[in-house]
């Protein structure tokens, strides 16, 4: 085998590639941000509904918790939509996983010596 043929050989099986893509897309930072915004948005919206005049004097009568909670919910939903409409590229994820596997292989071979 030549060096070029050896470099193009994949270190990962198709199942490992699929698993890497699924894991990267599941743990996408946009999705985590969306989850946090939705959770906090629900909490703040509930507070705004249950106690709408809690800070009424400070906010000139505006139900600030209710509006802030609704805005947080909308932002969280937009992040999730963005994550679904434009997911991470499978090619980029696989390339990164291949590079990590190569580095691990080199390190492992270096440890054997």
PDB file of N, CA and C in Angstrom:
ATOM      1  N   UNK A   1       0.829  -1.185   0.000  1.00  0.00           N
ATOM      2  CA  UNK A   1       0.000   0.000   0.000  1.00  0.00           C
ATOM      3  C   UNK A   1       0.873   1.248   0.000  1.00  0.00           C
ATOM      4  N   UNK A   2       0.488   2.210  -0.790  1.00  0.00           N
ATOM      5  CA  UNK A   2       1.235   3.459  -0.790  1.00  0.00           C
ATOM      6  C   UNK A   2       0.718   4.347   0.319  1.00  0.00           C
ATOM      7  N   UNK A   3       1.460   5.414   0.587  1.00  0.00           N
ATOM      8  CA  UNK A   3       1.040   6.340   1.642  1.00  0.00           C
ATOM      9  C   UNK A   3      -0.278   7.014   1.296  1.00  0.00           C
ATOM     10  N   UNK A   4      -0.489   7.333   0.008  1.00  0.00           N
ATOM     11  CA  UNK A   4      -1.720   8.004  -0.401  1.00  0.00           C
ATOM     12  C   UNK A   4      -2.924   7.098  -0.190  1.00  0.00           C
ATOM     13  N   UNK A   5      -2.802   5.827  -0.546  1.00  0.00           N
ATOM     14  CA  UNK A   5      -3.900   4.884  -0.372  1.00  0.00           C
ATOM     15  C   UNK A   5      -4.202   4.687   1.106  1.00  0.00           C
ATOM     16  N   UNK A   6      -3.182   4.643   1.907  1.00  0.00           N
ATOM     17  CA  UNK A   6      -3.367   4.449   3.338  1.00  0.00           C
ATOM     18  C   UNK A   6      -4.060   5.659   3.961  1.00  0.00           C
ATOM     19  N   UNK A   7      -3.742   6.864   3.496  1.00  0.00           N
ATOM     20  CA  UNK A   7      -4.353   8.063   4.063  1.00  0.00           C
ATOM     21  C   UNK A   7      -5.823   8.166   3.711  1.00  0.00           C
ATOM     22  N   UNK A   8      -6.202   7.719   2.497  1.00  0.00           N
ATOM     23  CA  UNK A   8      -7.598   7.831   2.094  1.00  0.00           C
ATOM     24  C   UNK A   8      -8.456   6.740   2.717  1.00  0.00           C
ATOM     25  N   UNK A   9      -7.843   5.694   3.251  1.00  0.00           N
ATOM     26  CA  UNK A   9      -8.594   4.625   3.895  1.00  0.00           C
ATOM     27  C   UNK A   9      -9.255   5.169   5.159  1.00  0.00           C
ATOM     28  N   UNK A  10     -10.525   4.863   5.298  1.00  0.00           N
ATOM     29  CA  UNK A  10     -11.280   5.359   6.439  1.00  0.00           C
ATOM     30  C   UNK A  10     -10.948   4.552   7.694  1.00  0.00           C
ATOM     31  N   UNK A  11     -10.783   5.256   8.781  1.00  0.00           N
ATOM     32  CA  UNK A  11     -10.523   4.588  10.060  1.00  0.00           C
ATOM     33  C   UNK A  11     -11.821   4.226  10.773  1.00  0.00           C
ATOM     34  N   UNK A  12     -12.932   4.775  10.310  1.00  0.00           N
ATOM     35  CA  UNK A  12     -14.218   4.560  10.958  1.00  0.00           C
ATOM     36  C   UNK A  12     -15.128   3.717  10.073  1.00  0.00           C
ATOM     37  N   UNK A  13     -15.916   2.867  10.698  1.00  0.00           N
ATOM     38  CA  UNK A  13     -16.922   2.108   9.956  1.00  0.00           C
ATOM     39  C   UNK A  13     -18.100   3.026   9.656  1.00  0.00           C
ATOM     40  N   UNK A  14     -18.985   2.573   8.786  1.00  0.00           N
ATOM     41  CA  UNK A  14     -20.162   3.384   8.453  1.00  0.00           C
ATOM     42  C   UNK A  14     -21.036   3.589   9.689  1.00  0.00           C
ATOM     43  N   UNK A  15     -21.147   2.572  10.527  1.00  0.00           N
ATOM     44  CA  UNK A  15     -21.945   2.697  11.754  1.00  0.00           C
ATOM     45  C   UNK A  15     -21.349   3.752  12.684  1.00  0.00           C
ATOM     46  N   UNK A  16     -20.015   3.773  12.784  1.00  0.00           N
ATOM     47  CA  UNK A  16     -19.361   4.783  13.628  1.00  0.00           C
ATOM     48  C   UNK A  16     -19.554   6.183  13.058  1.00  0.00           C
ATOM     49  N   UNK A  17     -19.521   6.298  11.737  1.00  0.00           N
ATOM     50  CA  UNK A  17     -19.766   7.600  11.102  1.00  0.00           C
ATOM     51  C   UNK A  17     -21.188   8.069  11.375  1.00  0.00           C
ATOM     52  N   UNK A  18     -22.154   7.154  11.216  1.00  0.00           N
ATOM     53  CA  UNK A  18     -23.554   7.501  11.479  1.00  0.00           C
ATOM     54  C   UNK A  18     -23.753   7.910  12.931  1.00  0.00           C
ATOM     55  N   UNK A  19     -23.093   7.185  13.832  1.00  0.00           N
ATOM     56  CA  UNK A  19     -23.202   7.502  15.256  1.00  0.00           C
ATOM     57  C   UNK A  19     -22.581   8.865  15.554  1.00  0.00           C
ATOM     58  N   UNK A  20     -21.465   9.182  14.926  1.00  0.00           N
ATOM     59  CA  UNK A  20     -20.816  10.482  15.135  1.00  0.00           C
ATOM     60  C   UNK A  20     -21.704  11.617  14.645  1.00  0.00           C
ATOM     61  N   UNK A  21     -22.334  11.429  13.495  1.00  0.00           N
ATOM     62  CA  UNK A  21     -23.229  12.457  12.950  1.00  0.00           C
ATOM     63  C   UNK A  21     -24.423  12.650  13.875  1.00  0.00           C
ATOM     64  N   UNK A  22     -25.014  11.541  14.319  1.00  0.00           N
ATOM     65  CA  UNK A  22     -26.183  11.628  15.202  1.00  0.00           C
ATOM     66  C   UNK A  22     -25.823  12.310  16.524  1.00  0.00           C
ATOM     67  N   UNK A  23     -24.690  11.942  17.101  1.00  0.00           N
ATOM     68  CA  UNK A  23     -24.269  12.532  18.379  1.00  0.00           C
ATOM     69  C   UNK A  23     -23.973  14.022  18.228  1.00  0.00           C
ATOM     70  N   UNK A  24     -23.299  14.392  17.153  1.00  0.00           N
ATOM     71  CA  UNK A  24     -22.961  15.805  16.953  1.00  0.00           C
ATOM     72  C   UNK A  24     -24.215  16.637  16.740  1.00  0.00           C
ATOM     73  N   UNK A  25     -25.157  16.107  15.998  1.00  0.00           N
ATOM     74  CA  UNK A  25     -26.394  16.865  15.753  1.00  0.00           C
ATOM     75  C   UNK A  25     -27.265  16.923  16.999  1.00  0.00           C
ATOM     76  N   UNK A  26     -27.254  15.871  17.800  1.00  0.00           N
ATOM     77  CA  UNK A  26     -28.030  15.878  19.042  1.00  0.00           C
ATOM     78  C   UNK A  26     -27.458  16.882  20.034  1.00  0.00           C
ATOM     79  N   UNK A  27     -26.142  16.968  20.105  1.00  0.00           N
ATOM     80  CA  UNK A  27     -25.483  17.857  21.057  1.00  0.00           C
ATOM     81  C   UNK A  27     -25.087  19.190  20.443  1.00  0.00           C
ATOM     82  N   UNK A  28     -25.765  19.586  19.382  1.00  0.00           N
ATOM     83  CA  UNK A  28     -25.499  20.869  18.736  1.00  0.00           C
ATOM     84  C   UNK A  28     -25.762  21.989  19.747  1.00  0.00           C
ATOM     85  N   UNK A  29     -24.855  22.937  19.817  1.00  0.00           N
ATOM     86  CA  UNK A  29     -24.964  24.033  20.780  1.00  0.00           C
ATOM     87  C   UNK A  29     -26.259  24.815  20.593  1.00  0.00           C
ATOM     88  N   UNK A  30     -26.709  24.958  19.358  1.00  0.00           N
ATOM     89  CA  UNK A  30     -27.964  25.677  19.104  1.00  0.00           C
ATOM     90  C   UNK A  30     -29.136  24.977  19.771  1.00  0.00           C
ATOM     91  N   UNK A  31     -29.124  23.646  19.765  1.00  0.00           N
ATOM     92  CA  UNK A  31     -30.218  22.901  20.388  1.00  0.00           C
ATOM     93  C   UNK A  31     -30.180  23.070  21.907  1.00  0.00           C
ATOM     94  N   UNK A  32     -28.993  23.050  22.493  1.00  0.00           N
ATOM     95  CA  UNK A  32     -28.879  23.235  23.945  1.00  0.00           C
ATOM     96  C   UNK A  32     -29.342  24.633  24.354  1.00  0.00           C
ATOM     97  N   UNK A  33     -28.983  25.639  23.563  1.00  0.00           N
ATOM     98  CA  UNK A  33     -29.435  27.007  23.838  1.00  0.00           C
ATOM     99  C   UNK A  33     -30.951  27.080  23.712  1.00  0.00           C
ATOM    100  N   UNK A  34     -31.512  26.427  22.699  1.00  0.00           N
ATOM    101  CA  UNK A  34     -32.963  26.419  22.512  1.00  0.00           C
ATOM    102  C   UNK A  34     -33.664  25.812  23.720  1.00  0.00           C
ATOM    103  N   UNK A  35     -33.138  24.707  24.213  1.00  0.00           N
ATOM    104  CA  UNK A  35     -33.744  24.045  25.371  1.00  0.00           C
ATOM    105  C   UNK A  35     -33.725  24.966  26.586  1.00  0.00           C
ATOM    106  N   UNK A  36     -32.590  25.613  26.827  1.00  0.00           N
ATOM    107  CA  UNK A  36     -32.498  26.523  27.972  1.00  0.00           C
ATOM    108  C   UNK A  36     -33.469  27.690  27.844  1.00  0.00           C
ATOM    109  N   UNK A  37     -33.543  28.293  26.660  1.00  0.00           N
ATOM    110  CA  UNK A  37     -34.465  29.412  26.462  1.00  0.00           C
ATOM    111  C   UNK A  37     -35.911  28.975  26.676  1.00  0.00           C
ATOM    112  N   UNK A  38     -36.275  27.800  26.184  1.00  0.00           N
ATOM    113  CA  UNK A  38     -37.648  27.329  26.346  1.00  0.00           C
ATOM    114  C   UNK A  38     -37.951  27.047  27.815  1.00  0.00           C
ATOM    115  N   UNK A  39     -37.028  26.400  28.523  1.00  0.00           N
ATOM    116  CA  UNK A  39     -37.262  26.103  29.944  1.00  0.00           C
ATOM    117  C   UNK A  39     -37.425  27.392  30.744  1.00  0.00           C
ATOM    118  N   UNK A  40     -36.474  28.316  30.589  1.00  0.00           N
ATOM    119  CA  UNK A  40     -36.576  29.577  31.316  1.00  0.00           C
ATOM    120  C   UNK A  40     -37.777  30.390  30.853  1.00  0.00           C
ATOM    121  N   UNK A  41     -38.094  30.322  29.570  1.00  0.00           N
ATOM    122  CA  UNK A  41     -39.255  31.038  29.050  1.00  0.00           C
ATOM    123  C   UNK A  41     -40.547  30.545  29.665  1.00  0.00           C
ATOM    124  N   UNK A  42     -40.672  29.229  29.808  1.00  0.00           N
ATOM    125  CA  UNK A  42     -41.869  28.661  30.437  1.00  0.00           C
ATOM    126  C   UNK A  42     -41.967  29.122  31.886  1.00  0.00           C
ATOM    127  N   UNK A  43     -40.868  29.063  32.608  1.00  0.00           N
ATOM    128  CA  UNK A  43     -40.872  29.469  34.021  1.00  0.00           C
ATOM    129  C   UNK A  43     -41.244  30.940  34.161  1.00  0.00           C
ATOM    130  N   UNK A  44     -40.604  31.798  33.381  1.00  0.00           N
ATOM    131  CA  UNK A  44     -40.860  33.239  33.491  1.00  0.00           C
ATOM    132  C   UNK A  44     -42.279  33.568  33.028  1.00  0.00           C
ATOM    133  N   UNK A  45     -42.779  32.876  32.009  1.00  0.00           N
ATOM    134  CA  UNK A  45     -44.155  33.104  31.554  1.00  0.00           C
ATOM    135  C   UNK A  45     -45.151  32.706  32.635  1.00  0.00           C
ATOM    136  N   UNK A  46     -44.919  31.587  33.286  1.00  0.00           N
ATOM    137  CA  UNK A  46     -45.809  31.157  34.374  1.00  0.00           C
ATOM    138  C   UNK A  46     -45.800  32.180  35.500  1.00  0.00           C
ATOM    139  N   UNK A  47     -44.625  32.672  35.854  1.00  0.00           N
ATOM    140  CA  UNK A  47     -44.544  33.713  36.892  1.00  0.00           C
ATOM    141  C   UNK A  47     -45.310  34.951  36.438  1.00  0.00           C
ATOM    142  N   UNK A  48     -45.192  35.305  35.170  1.00  0.00           N
ATOM    143  CA  UNK A  48     -45.905  36.466  34.645  1.00  0.00           C
ATOM    144  C   UNK A  48     -47.411  36.292  34.662  1.00  0.00           C
ATOM    145  N   UNK A  49     -47.882  35.060  34.476  1.00  0.00           N
ATOM    146  CA  UNK A  49     -49.322  34.796  34.506  1.00  0.00           C
ATOM    147  C   UNK A  49     -49.833  34.750  35.938  1.00  0.00           C
ATOM    148  N   UNK A  50     -49.084  34.094  36.826  1.00  0.00           N
ATOM    149  CA  UNK A  50     -49.520  33.925  38.218  1.00  0.00           C
ATOM    150  C   UNK A  50     -49.458  35.241  38.986  1.00  0.00           C
ATOM    151  N   UNK A  51     -48.395  36.001  38.812  1.00  0.00           N
ATOM    152  CA  UNK A  51     -48.224  37.267  39.539  1.00  0.00           C
ATOM    153  C   UNK A  51     -47.914  38.387  38.538  1.00  0.00           C
ATOM    154  N   UNK A  52     -48.927  38.836  37.779  1.00  0.00           N
ATOM    155  CA  UNK A  52     -48.652  39.809  36.716  1.00  0.00           C
ATOM    156  C   UNK A  52     -48.217  41.184  37.213  1.00  0.00           C
ATOM    157  N   UNK A  53     -48.604  41.573  38.412  1.00  0.00           N
ATOM    158  CA  UNK A  53     -48.276  42.912  38.915  1.00  0.00           C
ATOM    159  C   UNK A  53     -47.180  42.887  39.966  1.00  0.00           C
ATOM    160  N   UNK A  54     -46.326  41.882  39.942  1.00  0.00           N
ATOM    161  CA  UNK A  54     -45.289  41.762  40.956  1.00  0.00           C
ATOM    162  C   UNK A  54     -44.371  42.986  40.934  1.00  0.00           C
ATOM    163  N   UNK A  55     -43.972  43.454  39.771  1.00  0.00           N
ATOM    164  CA  UNK A  55     -43.117  44.634  39.645  1.00  0.00           C
ATOM    165  C   UNK A  55     -43.843  45.734  38.880  1.00  0.00           C
ATOM    166  N   UNK A  56     -45.117  45.836  39.078  1.00  0.00           N
ATOM    167  CA  UNK A  56     -45.927  46.790  38.325  1.00  0.00           C
ATOM    168  C   UNK A  56     -45.486  48.228  38.482  1.00  0.00           C
ATOM    169  N   UNK A  57     -45.085  48.630  39.681  1.00  0.00           N
ATOM    170  CA  UNK A  57     -44.665  50.017  39.903  1.00  0.00           C
ATOM    171  C   UNK A  57     -43.351  50.314  39.187  1.00  0.00           C
ATOM    172  N   UNK A  58     -42.464  49.353  39.149  1.00  0.00           N
ATOM    173  CA  UNK A  58     -41.163  49.553  38.511  1.00  0.00           C
ATOM    174  C   UNK A  58     -41.247  49.564  36.988  1.00  0.00           C
ATOM    175  N   UNK A  59     -42.259  48.918  36.429  1.00  0.00           N
ATOM    176  CA  UNK A  59     -42.346  48.773  34.973  1.00  0.00           C
ATOM    177  C   UNK A  59     -43.516  49.534  34.366  1.00  0.00           C
ATOM    178  N   UNK A  60     -44.053  50.494  35.090  1.00  0.00           N
ATOM    179  CA  UNK A  60     -45.186  51.302  34.611  1.00  0.00           C
ATOM    180  C   UNK A  60     -46.383  50.443  34.215  1.00  0.00           C
ATOM    181  N   UNK A  61     -46.633  49.394  34.962  1.00  0.00           N
ATOM    182  CA  UNK A  61     -47.800  48.555  34.738  1.00  0.00           C
ATOM    183  C   UNK A  61     -47.650  47.495  33.663  1.00  0.00           C
ATOM    184  N   UNK A  62     -46.491  47.381  33.063  1.00  0.00           N
ATOM    185  CA  UNK A  62     -46.272  46.366  32.031  1.00  0.00           C
ATOM    186  C   UNK A  62     -45.977  45.031  32.719  1.00  0.00           C
ATOM    187  N   UNK A  63     -46.613  43.980  32.251  1.00  0.00           N
ATOM    188  CA  UNK A  63     -46.361  42.638  32.793  1.00  0.00           C
ATOM    189  C   UNK A  63     -45.035  42.137  32.213  1.00  0.00           C
ATOM    190  N   UNK A  64     -43.952  42.636  32.787  1.00  0.00           N
ATOM    191  CA  UNK A  64     -42.621  42.396  32.222  1.00  0.00           C
ATOM    192  C   UNK A  64     -42.242  40.919  32.230  1.00  0.00           C
ATOM    193  N   UNK A  65     -42.616  40.187  33.278  1.00  0.00           N
ATOM    194  CA  UNK A  65     -42.292  38.757  33.323  1.00  0.00           C
ATOM    195  C   UNK A  65     -43.022  37.997  32.217  1.00  0.00           C
ATOM    196  N   UNK A  66     -44.269  38.343  31.987  1.00  0.00           N
ATOM    197  CA  UNK A  66     -45.036  37.683  30.940  1.00  0.00           C
ATOM    198  C   UNK A  66     -44.415  37.938  29.568  1.00  0.00           C
ATOM    199  N   UNK A  67     -44.117  39.191  29.265  1.00  0.00           N
ATOM    200  CA  UNK A  67     -43.538  39.530  27.962  1.00  0.00           C
ATOM    201  C   UNK A  67     -42.132  38.953  27.787  1.00  0.00           C
ATOM    202  N   UNK A  68     -41.351  39.000  28.840  1.00  0.00           N
ATOM    203  CA  UNK A  68     -39.998  38.435  28.760  1.00  0.00           C
ATOM    204  C   UNK A  68     -40.066  36.924  28.544  1.00  0.00           C
ATOM    205  N   UNK A  69     -40.965  36.261  29.244  1.00  0.00           N
ATOM    206  CA  UNK A  69     -41.131  34.820  29.073  1.00  0.00           C
ATOM    207  C   UNK A  69     -41.565  34.451  27.668  1.00  0.00           C
ATOM    208  N   UNK A  70     -42.499  35.211  27.116  1.00  0.00           N
ATOM    209  CA  UNK A  70     -42.959  34.947  25.749  1.00  0.00           C
ATOM    210  C   UNK A  70     -41.819  35.146  24.757  1.00  0.00           C
ATOM    211  N   UNK A  71     -41.048  36.210  24.932  1.00  0.00           N
ATOM    212  CA  UNK A  71     -39.911  36.471  24.039  1.00  0.00           C
ATOM    213  C   UNK A  71     -38.878  35.354  24.152  1.00  0.00           C
ATOM    214  N   UNK A  72     -38.631  34.879  25.368  1.00  0.00           N
ATOM    215  CA  UNK A  72     -37.677  33.778  25.546  1.00  0.00           C
ATOM    216  C   UNK A  72     -38.181  32.501  24.868  1.00  0.00           C
ATOM    217  N   UNK A  73     -39.477  32.239  24.951  1.00  0.00           N
ATOM    218  CA  UNK A  73     -40.045  31.079  24.266  1.00  0.00           C
ATOM    219  C   UNK A  73     -39.871  31.192  22.753  1.00  0.00           C
ATOM    220  N   UNK A  74     -40.139  32.374  22.218  1.00  0.00           N
ATOM    221  CA  UNK A  74     -39.991  32.589  20.772  1.00  0.00           C
ATOM    222  C   UNK A  74     -38.536  32.393  20.351  1.00  0.00           C
ATOM    223  N   UNK A  75     -37.603  32.939  21.125  1.00  0.00           N
ATOM    224  CA  UNK A  75     -36.179  32.786  20.797  1.00  0.00           C
ATOM    225  C   UNK A  75     -35.774  31.310  20.845  1.00  0.00           C
ATOM    226  N   UNK A  76     -36.227  30.587  21.861  1.00  0.00           N
ATOM    227  CA  UNK A  76     -35.921  29.160  21.956  1.00  0.00           C
ATOM    228  C   UNK A  76     -36.466  28.380  20.773  1.00  0.00           C
ATOM    229  N   UNK A  77     -37.689  28.699  20.361  1.00  0.00           N
ATOM    230  CA  UNK A  77     -38.287  28.029  19.205  1.00  0.00           C
ATOM    231  C   UNK A  77     -37.514  28.370  17.936  1.00  0.00           C
ATOM    232  N   UNK A  78     -37.100  29.623  17.789  1.00  0.00           N
ATOM    233  CA  UNK A  78     -36.316  30.018  16.611  1.00  0.00           C
ATOM    234  C   UNK A  78     -34.976  29.283  16.553  1.00  0.00           C
ATOM    235  N   UNK A  79     -34.325  29.114  17.685  1.00  0.00           N
ATOM    236  CA  UNK A  79     -33.065  28.360  17.709  1.00  0.00           C
ATOM    237  C   UNK A  79     -33.299  26.906  17.275  1.00  0.00           C
ATOM    238  N   UNK A  80     -34.373  26.296  17.738  1.00  0.00           N
ATOM    239  CA  UNK A  80     -34.666  24.912  17.359  1.00  0.00           C
ATOM    240  C   UNK A  80     -34.996  24.811  15.867  1.00  0.00           C
ATOM    241  N   UNK A  81     -35.758  25.772  15.358  1.00  0.00           N
ATOM    242  CA  UNK A  81     -36.061  25.789  13.922  1.00  0.00           C
ATOM    243  C   UNK A  81     -34.773  25.927  13.121  1.00  0.00           C
ATOM    244  N   UNK A  82     -33.891  26.824  13.547  1.00  0.00           N
ATOM    245  CA  UNK A  82     -32.598  27.022  12.876  1.00  0.00           C
ATOM    246  C   UNK A  82     -31.802  25.714  12.869  1.00  0.00           C
ATOM    247  N   UNK A  83     -31.819  25.023  13.983  1.00  0.00           N
ATOM    248  CA  UNK A  83     -31.081  23.764  14.108  1.00  0.00           C
ATOM    249  C   UNK A  83     -31.644  22.704  13.154  1.00  0.00           C
ATOM    250  N   UNK A  84     -32.948  22.691  12.975  1.00  0.00           N
ATOM    251  CA  UNK A  84     -33.569  21.702  12.090  1.00  0.00           C
ATOM    252  C   UNK A  84     -33.459  22.086  10.614  1.00  0.00           C
ATOM    253  N   UNK A  85     -33.561  23.380  10.323  1.00  0.00           N
ATOM    254  CA  UNK A  85     -33.498  23.832   8.930  1.00  0.00           C
ATOM    255  C   UNK A  85     -32.079  23.736   8.380  1.00  0.00           C
ATOM    256  N   UNK A  86     -31.093  24.071   9.190  1.00  0.00           N
ATOM    257  CA  UNK A  86     -29.696  24.047   8.739  1.00  0.00           C
ATOM    258  C   UNK A  86     -28.870  23.210   9.717  1.00  0.00           C
ATOM    259  N   UNK A  87     -28.991  21.875   9.627  1.00  0.00           N
ATOM    260  CA  UNK A  87     -28.217  21.020  10.537  1.00  0.00           C
ATOM    261  C   UNK A  87     -26.729  21.059  10.201  1.00  0.00           C
ATOM    262  N   UNK A  88     -25.930  20.590  11.132  1.00  0.00           N
ATOM    263  CA  UNK A  88     -24.490  20.499  10.902  1.00  0.00           C
ATOM    264  C   UNK A  88     -24.224  19.584   9.713  1.00  0.00           C
ATOM    265  N   UNK A  89     -23.240  19.929   8.925  1.00  0.00           N
ATOM    266  CA  UNK A  89     -22.896  19.153   7.737  1.00  0.00           C
ATOM    267  C   UNK A  89     -22.311  17.798   8.139  1.00  0.00           C
ATOM    268  N   UNK A  90     -22.867  16.741   7.574  1.00  0.00           N
ATOM    269  CA  UNK A  90     -22.372  15.395   7.878  1.00  0.00           C
ATOM    270  C   UNK A  90     -20.918  15.238   7.439  1.00  0.00           C
ATOM    271  N   UNK A  91     -20.565  15.860   6.320  1.00  0.00           N
ATOM    272  CA  UNK A  91     -19.179  15.765   5.838  1.00  0.00           C
ATOM    273  C   UNK A  91     -18.203  16.378   6.838  1.00  0.00           C
ATOM    274  N   UNK A  92     -18.559  17.531   7.400  1.00  0.00           N
ATOM    275  CA  UNK A  92     -17.692  18.181   8.389  1.00  0.00           C
ATOM    276  C   UNK A  92     -17.559  17.334   9.650  1.00  0.00           C
ATOM    277  N   UNK A  93     -18.673  16.759  10.079  1.00  0.00           N
ATOM    278  CA  UNK A  93     -18.661  15.932  11.285  1.00  0.00           C
ATOM    279  C   UNK A  93     -17.790  14.695  11.072  1.00  0.00           C
ATOM    280  N   UNK A  94     -17.955  14.049   9.933  1.00  0.00           N
ATOM    281  CA  UNK A  94     -17.180  12.838   9.636  1.00  0.00           C
ATOM    282  C   UNK A  94     -15.700  13.168   9.501  1.00  0.00           C
ATOM    283  N   UNK A  95     -15.390  14.292   8.852  1.00  0.00           N
ATOM    284  CA  UNK A  95     -13.985  14.695   8.713  1.00  0.00           C
ATOM    285  C   UNK A  95     -13.355  14.930  10.081  1.00  0.00           C
ATOM    286  N   UNK A  96     -14.100  15.572  10.969  1.00  0.00           N
ATOM    287  CA  UNK A  96     -13.598  15.817  12.319  1.00  0.00           C
ATOM    288  C   UNK A  96     -13.410  14.503  13.084  1.00  0.00           C
ATOM    289  N   UNK A  97     -14.363  13.588  12.939  1.00  0.00           N
ATOM    290  CA  UNK A  97     -14.256  12.291  13.613  1.00  0.00           C
ATOM    291  C   UNK A  97     -13.081  11.486  13.062  1.00  0.00           C
ATOM    292  N   UNK A  98     -12.877  11.546  11.749  1.00  0.00           N
ATOM    293  CA  UNK A  98     -11.737  10.849  11.133  1.00  0.00           C
ATOM    294  C   UNK A  98     -10.419  11.416  11.656  1.00  0.00           C
ATOM    295  N   UNK A  99     -10.339  12.735  11.743  1.00  0.00           N
ATOM    296  CA  UNK A  99      -9.114  13.376  12.243  1.00  0.00           C
ATOM    297  C   UNK A  99      -8.849  12.967  13.693  1.00  0.00           C
ATOM    298  N   UNK A 100      -9.896  12.934  14.506  1.00  0.00           N
ATOM    299  CA  UNK A 100      -9.738  12.502  15.898  1.00  0.00           C
ATOM    300  C   UNK A 100      -9.273  11.052  15.967  1.00  0.00           C
ATOM    301  N   UNK A 101      -9.817  10.204  15.094  1.00  0.00           N
ATOM    302  CA  UNK A 101      -9.412   8.794  15.075  1.00  0.00           C
ATOM    303  C   UNK A 101      -7.952   8.660  14.649  1.00  0.00           C
ATOM    304  N   UNK A 102      -7.523   9.461  13.676  1.00  0.00           N
ATOM    305  CA  UNK A 102      -6.120   9.419  13.247  1.00  0.00           C
ATOM    306  C   UNK A 102      -5.191   9.842  14.382  1.00  0.00           C
ATOM    307  N   UNK A 103      -5.561  10.919  15.069  1.00  0.00           N
ATOM    308  CA  UNK A 103      -4.733  11.387  16.189  1.00  0.00           C
ATOM    309  C   UNK A 103      -4.663  10.328  17.283  1.00  0.00           C
ATOM    310  N   UNK A 104      -5.797   9.687  17.563  1.00  0.00           N
ATOM    311  CA  UNK A 104      -5.814   8.646  18.593  1.00  0.00           C
ATOM    312  C   UNK A 104      -4.962   7.455  18.172  1.00  0.00           C
ATOM    313  N   UNK A 105      -5.004   7.115  16.895  1.00  0.00           N
ATOM    314  CA  UNK A 105      -4.202   5.998  16.399  1.00  0.00           C
ATOM    315  C   UNK A 105      -2.713   6.313  16.497  1.00  0.00           C
ATOM    316  N   UNK A 106      -2.328   7.525  16.114  1.00  0.00           N
ATOM    317  CA  UNK A 106      -0.918   7.929  16.195  1.00  0.00           C
ATOM    318  C   UNK A 106      -0.457   7.916  17.643  1.00  0.00           C
ATOM    319  N   UNK A 107      -1.292   8.440  18.543  1.00  0.00           N
ATOM    320  CA  UNK A 107      -0.934   8.465  19.967  1.00  0.00           C
ATOM    321  C   UNK A 107      -0.804   7.042  20.501  1.00  0.00           C
ATOM    322  N   UNK A 108      -1.737   6.176  20.095  1.00  0.00           N
ATOM    323  CA  UNK A 108      -1.702   4.787  20.558  1.00  0.00           C
ATOM    324  C   UNK A 108      -0.455   4.069  20.040  1.00  0.00           C
ATOM    325  N   UNK A 109      -0.104   4.308  18.781  1.00  0.00           N
ATOM    326  CA  UNK A 109       1.102   3.691  18.224  1.00  0.00           C
ATOM    327  C   UNK A 109       2.356   4.232  18.904  1.00  0.00           C
ATOM    328  N   UNK A 110       2.339   5.510  19.279  1.00  0.00           N
ATOM    329  CA  UNK A 110       3.472   6.102  19.984  1.00  0.00           C
ATOM    330  C   UNK A 110       3.622   5.544  21.386  1.00  0.00           C
ATOM    331  N   UNK A 111       2.500   5.214  22.030  1.00  0.00           N
ATOM    332  CA  UNK A 111       2.536   4.643  23.378  1.00  0.00           C
ATOM    333  C   UNK A 111       3.061   3.214  23.375  1.00  0.00           C
ATOM    334  N   UNK A 112       2.887   2.498  22.256  1.00  0.00           N
ATOM    335  CA  UNK A 112       3.352   1.112  22.171  1.00  0.00           C
ATOM    336  C   UNK A 112       4.873   1.029  22.178  1.00  0.00           C
ATOM    337  N   UNK A 113       5.526   2.034  21.606  1.00  0.00           N
ATOM    338  CA  UNK A 113       6.987   1.999  21.446  1.00  0.00           C
ATOM    339  C   UNK A 113       7.713   2.197  22.722  1.00  0.00           C
TER     340      UNK A 113
END
